[in-house]
Amino acid sequence: MDSLAPSGGGGGNGVVSPTETTTATSSQDPKQNLDETINSIQKSLGLLHQLYLTVSSFNLASQPHLLQRLNNLVLELDNMSKLSEKCNIDVPMEVLNLIDDGKNPDEFTREVLNKCIAKNQITKGKADALKGLRKHLLEELDQSFPDEVETYREIRSASAAVS
């Protein structure tokens, strides 16, 4: 837990300021920014748990301690907000909706993967159909125009050799 000191000029309003800051510099890489944001989230969760314990056993004598924990939480939430501005992560709305519905977000990944597989199979089928059509056309053309097809094949093999 950070050591905290009352802010000067506050006049006893219970406002405290941290003596150490954990704000990331703008020159850090995105992975480090994300790690710092995750750490701040975990710290906020710990502070919320401490606040819950303080509130659940609240009495008048513990009011300064409660105010200190509230201020710690506010400062950490502010820090988290500043850190999160440096993280640029796009989360699809479908994932957020699944989480709101109490479902596993991995379902979204599985659905997207299955859709990709289905589209890939459709595209492969179309490509195979075009290859079959090309083969059939060449066979028909070879029967009707054998000289032209031979010239076509020579040109194709020459251009393939160049490539």
Foldseek 3Di string as FASTA:
>chain_A
DFDWDCDPPPVPPLAIDGPDDDADDLPDDQVVLVVSLVVLVVVLVVLVVVLVVCVVPDDPVCVSVNSNSVNVNVVSVVSSVNSVVSHDDDDDVVLVVCVVVVHDSVVVVVVVVVVVVVVVVVVVVVVVVVVVVVVVVLVVCCVVPVVVSVVVVVVVVVVVVVD
